[in-house]
Amino acid sequence: AFSRVMVGGQPPLAGATESWSWCAIDFRSGIRCEADERALIWWVCAVLIGNFVLAFLVLVWGGVNAPYGRYSSAVDKGEKGLVMRAMAKVDIPAKAAWVIQESPTLIAAAVCCATGSPECLGSWGNRLALFCFSAHYVNRTIVYPLLLEGSKPIPLAVVSMATMFCALNGYIQCRSLTRHLVTGRDGLGLGSVLGFALWLLGLGINVDSDRRLRNLRKPGETG
């Protein structure tokens, strides 16, 4: 991974399965990374995975309930520890919170597409992946908030953490697909077609689940 040469002043393009080789762990010499933006993307991915593991341990085995949804009532907030009470002091209306926290992904997609390389943007596999990613976040940023009814406000701390995740996730996904990875040079491969079918299935399940959850609320009920 570290013998590739620069082409036209830009990092060489890699296959979609090679992104984890942008940094290599050597127990004798430490972690060696590509000397360009790919190293930053690798480290952002590593930090996010580390945070996911930490959050899982804290929430599942630490007995901590985040101040969100069913745990965001005034009574629940008062029963939490000092840190959680501080996190839940300022609330944002649910509709606004969803737009704020999800929108960085769409901003990242727009900026990365505007500054992407022709080879990446010309790949039908990359185009399809970017379409699926952007369509999902159009749903979460615009459609889902518009359909919300009676949802509880979301604490500012939770919104801030979600916004940070969406910004970082939008950056690594969109930047990789517009500058550093080509998932298919000759049309759409079988992997892209199967992946798109799986995405359509997931989208249908997601939309149907949202509808079912909305219908569980009685008129005037919040949660």
Protein backbone atom coordinates (compact mmCIF):
# COMPACT_ATOMS: atom_id res chain seq x y z
CA ALA A 1 0.00 0.00 0.00
CA PHE A 2 2.95 2.31 0.57
CA SER A 3 4.71 1.80 -2.76
CA ARG A 4 2.01 3.43 -4.91
CA VAL A 5 3.11 6.54 -6.76
CA MET A 6 1.23 9.78 -7.16
CA VAL A 7 -0.49 10.19 -10.52
CA GLY A 8 -1.00 13.72 -11.79
CA GLY A 9 -0.49 15.08 -8.28
CA GLN A 10 -3.40 13.04 -6.95
CA PRO A 11 -3.34 9.90 -4.77
CA PRO A 12 -3.59 6.70 -6.83
CA LEU A 13 -7.07 5.21 -6.96
CA ALA A 14 -7.68 1.98 -5.08
CA GLY A 15 -10.27 -0.75 -5.22
CA ALA A 16 -13.17 -0.50 -2.78
CA THR A 17 -11.79 -3.32 -0.59
CA GLU A 18 -8.36 -1.73 -0.14
CA SER A 19 -9.17 1.27 2.04
CA TRP A 20 -8.07 -0.46 5.24
CA SER A 21 -4.58 -0.83 3.74
CA TRP A 22 -4.15 2.94 3.79
CA CYS A 23 -2.56 2.45 7.20
CA ALA A 24 -0.80 -0.72 8.31
CA ILE A 25 -0.15 -1.83 11.87
CA ASP A 26 3.36 -3.14 12.44
CA PHE A 27 4.07 -4.23 16.01
CA ARG A 28 7.76 -3.40 15.59
CA SER A 29 7.54 0.00 13.88
CA GLY A 30 4.02 1.07 14.88
CA ILE A 31 1.37 2.30 12.44
CA ARG A 32 2.52 3.33 8.98
CA CYS A 33 0.14 5.34 6.82
CA GLU A 34 -0.09 6.77 3.34
CA ALA A 35 1.29 10.32 3.25
CA ASP A 36 -1.93 11.98 2.10
CA GLU A 37 -5.62 12.43 2.96
CA ARG A 38 -6.20 8.68 2.96
CA ALA A 39 -4.40 8.44 6.30
CA LEU A 40 -6.82 10.97 7.81
CA ILE A 41 -9.81 8.99 6.53
CA TRP A 42 -8.34 5.79 8.01
CA TRP A 43 -7.84 7.41 11.40
CA VAL A 44 -11.35 8.88 11.45
CA CYS A 45 -12.71 5.38 10.76
CA ALA A 46 -10.57 3.90 13.54
CA VAL A 47 -11.67 6.54 16.06
CA LEU A 48 -15.35 6.05 15.18
CA ILE A 49 -15.07 2.29 15.62
CA GLY A 50 -13.36 2.81 18.98
CA ASN A 51 -16.16 5.12 20.09
CA PHE A 52 -18.80 2.61 18.97
CA VAL A 53 -17.19 -0.07 21.13
CA LEU A 54 -16.95 2.30 24.11
CA ALA A 55 -20.58 3.40 23.74
CA PHE A 56 -21.70 -0.24 23.53
CA LEU A 57 -19.87 -1.11 26.74
CA VAL A 58 -21.19 1.93 28.60
CA LEU A 59 -24.81 1.59 27.48
CA VAL A 60 -25.12 -2.20 27.67
CA TRP A 61 -22.94 -3.11 30.65
CA GLY A 62 -22.56 0.26 32.33
CA GLY A 63 -26.26 0.62 33.17
CA VAL A 64 -26.44 4.04 31.49
CA ASN A 65 -29.56 5.22 29.68
CA ALA A 66 -28.98 8.11 27.31
CA PRO A 67 -31.42 11.03 27.84
CA TYR A 68 -33.35 10.33 24.66
CA GLY A 69 -36.85 9.13 23.77
CA ARG A 70 -38.47 7.21 26.61
CA TYR A 71 -35.65 8.29 28.95
CA SER A 72 -36.00 12.03 28.32
CA SER A 73 -38.95 12.85 30.57
CA ALA A 74 -38.41 15.30 33.43
CA VAL A 75 -38.68 12.48 35.99
CA ASP A 76 -36.15 10.31 34.17
CA LYS A 77 -33.75 13.23 33.79
CA GLY A 78 -33.95 13.99 37.52
CA GLU A 79 -33.04 10.43 38.41
CA LYS A 80 -29.89 10.36 36.28
CA GLY A 81 -26.37 11.00 37.44
CA LEU A 82 -24.63 14.35 37.34
CA VAL A 83 -23.18 13.90 33.84
CA MET A 84 -26.46 12.77 32.28
CA ARG A 85 -28.42 15.55 34.01
CA ALA A 86 -25.98 18.10 32.60
CA MET A 87 -26.32 16.58 29.12
CA ALA A 88 -30.11 16.82 29.26
CA LYS A 89 -30.46 20.43 30.46
CA VAL A 90 -31.11 22.06 27.05
CA ASP A 91 -33.65 20.51 24.68
CA ILE A 92 -34.22 21.07 20.96
CA PRO A 93 -37.59 20.43 19.26
CA ALA A 94 -37.54 17.02 17.59
CA LYS A 95 -38.13 18.20 14.02
CA ALA A 96 -35.36 20.81 14.21
CA ALA A 97 -33.03 18.37 15.97
CA TRP A 98 -33.32 15.78 13.21
CA VAL A 99 -32.67 18.34 10.49
CA ILE A 100 -29.66 19.77 12.34
CA GLN A 101 -28.02 16.46 13.21
CA GLU A 102 -28.55 14.71 9.86
CA SER A 103 -27.85 17.59 7.46
CA PRO A 104 -24.00 17.45 7.65
CA THR A 105 -24.10 14.27 5.56
CA LEU A 106 -25.90 16.02 2.71
CA ILE A 107 -23.53 18.99 2.96
CA ALA A 108 -20.56 16.60 2.81
CA ALA A 109 -22.03 14.82 -0.21
CA ALA A 110 -22.54 18.11 -2.07
CA VAL A 111 -19.06 19.46 -1.28
CA CYS A 112 -17.29 16.19 -2.09
CA CYS A 113 -19.15 15.77 -5.38
CA ALA A 114 -18.25 19.34 -6.33
CA THR A 115 -14.56 18.70 -5.64
CA GLY A 116 -14.32 15.05 -6.71
CA SER A 117 -12.01 13.52 -9.29
CA PRO A 118 -13.39 12.71 -12.77
CA GLU A 119 -12.37 9.04 -12.50
CA CYS A 120 -14.28 8.54 -9.25
CA LEU A 121 -17.33 10.55 -10.32
CA GLY A 122 -17.36 8.76 -13.68
CA SER A 123 -17.64 5.32 -12.07
CA TRP A 124 -21.19 3.96 -12.16
CA GLY A 125 -20.46 1.97 -9.02
CA ASN A 126 -19.43 5.14 -7.20
CA ARG A 127 -22.46 7.01 -8.53
CA LEU A 128 -24.79 4.30 -7.31
CA ALA A 129 -23.18 4.19 -3.86
CA LEU A 130 -23.35 7.98 -3.55
CA PHE A 131 -26.99 7.95 -4.67
CA CYS A 132 -27.92 5.35 -2.04
CA PHE A 133 -26.06 7.23 0.69
CA SER A 134 -27.57 10.60 -0.24
CA ALA A 135 -31.10 9.23 -0.67
CA HIS A 136 -30.97 7.68 2.79
CA TYR A 137 -30.01 10.99 4.36
CA VAL A 138 -32.57 12.95 2.34
CA ASN A 139 -35.10 10.69 4.02
CA ARG A 140 -33.61 11.17 7.50
CA THR A 141 -32.96 14.93 7.10
CA ILE A 142 -36.11 16.07 5.32
CA VAL A 143 -38.82 13.43 4.93
CA TYR A 144 -38.66 11.83 8.38
CA PRO A 145 -38.74 15.13 10.36
CA LEU A 146 -41.70 16.40 8.31
CA LEU A 147 -43.70 13.29 9.24
CA LEU A 148 -42.85 13.43 12.96
CA GLU A 149 -45.79 14.02 15.28
CA GLY A 150 -45.70 14.34 19.05
CA SER A 151 -42.02 13.44 19.47
CA LYS A 152 -40.25 14.60 22.60
CA PRO A 153 -37.53 17.25 22.37
CA ILE A 154 -33.99 15.95 22.08
CA PRO A 155 -31.24 17.13 24.46
CA LEU A 156 -28.66 19.43 22.90
CA ALA A 157 -25.83 17.10 23.93
CA VAL A 158 -27.40 14.17 22.06
CA VAL A 159 -27.97 16.36 19.00
CA SER A 160 -24.36 17.56 19.15
CA MET A 161 -22.97 14.03 19.27
CA ALA A 162 -25.24 12.91 16.42
CA THR A 163 -24.20 15.95 14.38
CA MET A 164 -20.52 15.15 14.92
CA PHE A 165 -21.03 11.54 13.85
CA CYS A 166 -22.96 12.53 10.72
CA ALA A 167 -20.31 15.08 9.77
CA LEU A 168 -17.46 12.58 10.15
CA ASN A 169 -19.40 9.74 8.51
CA GLY A 170 -20.41 11.97 5.63
CA TYR A 171 -16.80 13.03 5.14
CA ILE A 172 -15.22 9.57 5.11
CA GLN A 173 -17.93 8.00 2.94
CA CYS A 174 -18.28 10.76 0.37
CA ARG A 175 -14.62 11.77 0.22
CA SER A 176 -13.55 8.18 -0.32
CA LEU A 177 -16.07 7.68 -3.13
CA THR A 178 -15.28 10.98 -4.84
CA ARG A 179 -11.46 11.09 -4.53
CA HIS A 180 -9.86 7.80 -3.56
CA LEU A 181 -11.94 4.72 -4.47
CA VAL A 182 -13.38 3.33 -7.67
CA THR A 183 -15.90 0.55 -7.12
CA GLY A 184 -16.41 -0.26 -10.80
CA ARG A 185 -14.67 0.99 -13.92
CA ASP A 186 -16.74 -0.86 -16.55
CA GLY A 187 -20.37 -0.28 -15.66
CA LEU A 188 -22.07 -1.89 -12.69
CA GLY A 189 -20.68 -5.17 -11.41
CA LEU A 190 -22.63 -7.95 -9.74
CA GLY A 191 -21.58 -6.66 -6.29
CA SER A 192 -23.04 -3.23 -7.01
CA VAL A 193 -26.32 -4.68 -8.29
CA LEU A 194 -26.69 -7.00 -5.28
CA GLY A 195 -25.75 -4.16 -2.95
CA PHE A 196 -28.39 -1.92 -4.50
CA ALA A 197 -31.02 -4.65 -4.10
CA LEU A 198 -30.06 -5.03 -0.44
CA TRP A 199 -30.24 -1.24 0.01
CA LEU A 200 -33.74 -1.16 -1.51
CA LEU A 201 -34.82 -3.89 0.91
CA GLY A 202 -33.36 -1.97 3.85
CA LEU A 203 -34.99 1.26 2.70
CA GLY A 204 -38.38 -0.42 2.51
CA ILE A 205 -37.98 -1.91 5.99
CA ASN A 206 -36.83 1.45 7.37
CA VAL A 207 -39.73 3.41 5.89
CA ASP A 208 -42.27 0.79 6.98
CA SER A 209 -40.84 0.71 10.51
CA ASP A 210 -41.09 4.50 10.78
CA ARG A 211 -44.72 4.33 9.67
CA ARG A 212 -45.55 1.61 12.20
CA LEU A 213 -43.91 3.56 15.04
CA ARG A 214 -45.82 6.71 14.14
CA ASN A 215 -49.10 4.78 14.12
CA LEU A 216 -48.43 3.40 17.61
CA ARG A 217 -49.02 6.85 19.10
CA LYS A 218 -52.51 7.77 20.10
CA PRO A 219 -53.78 11.27 19.23
CA GLY A 220 -51.99 13.80 21.44
CA GLU A 221 -49.55 11.21 22.80
CA THR A 222 -45.83 12.06 22.89
CA GLY A 223 -42.76 9.88 23.09
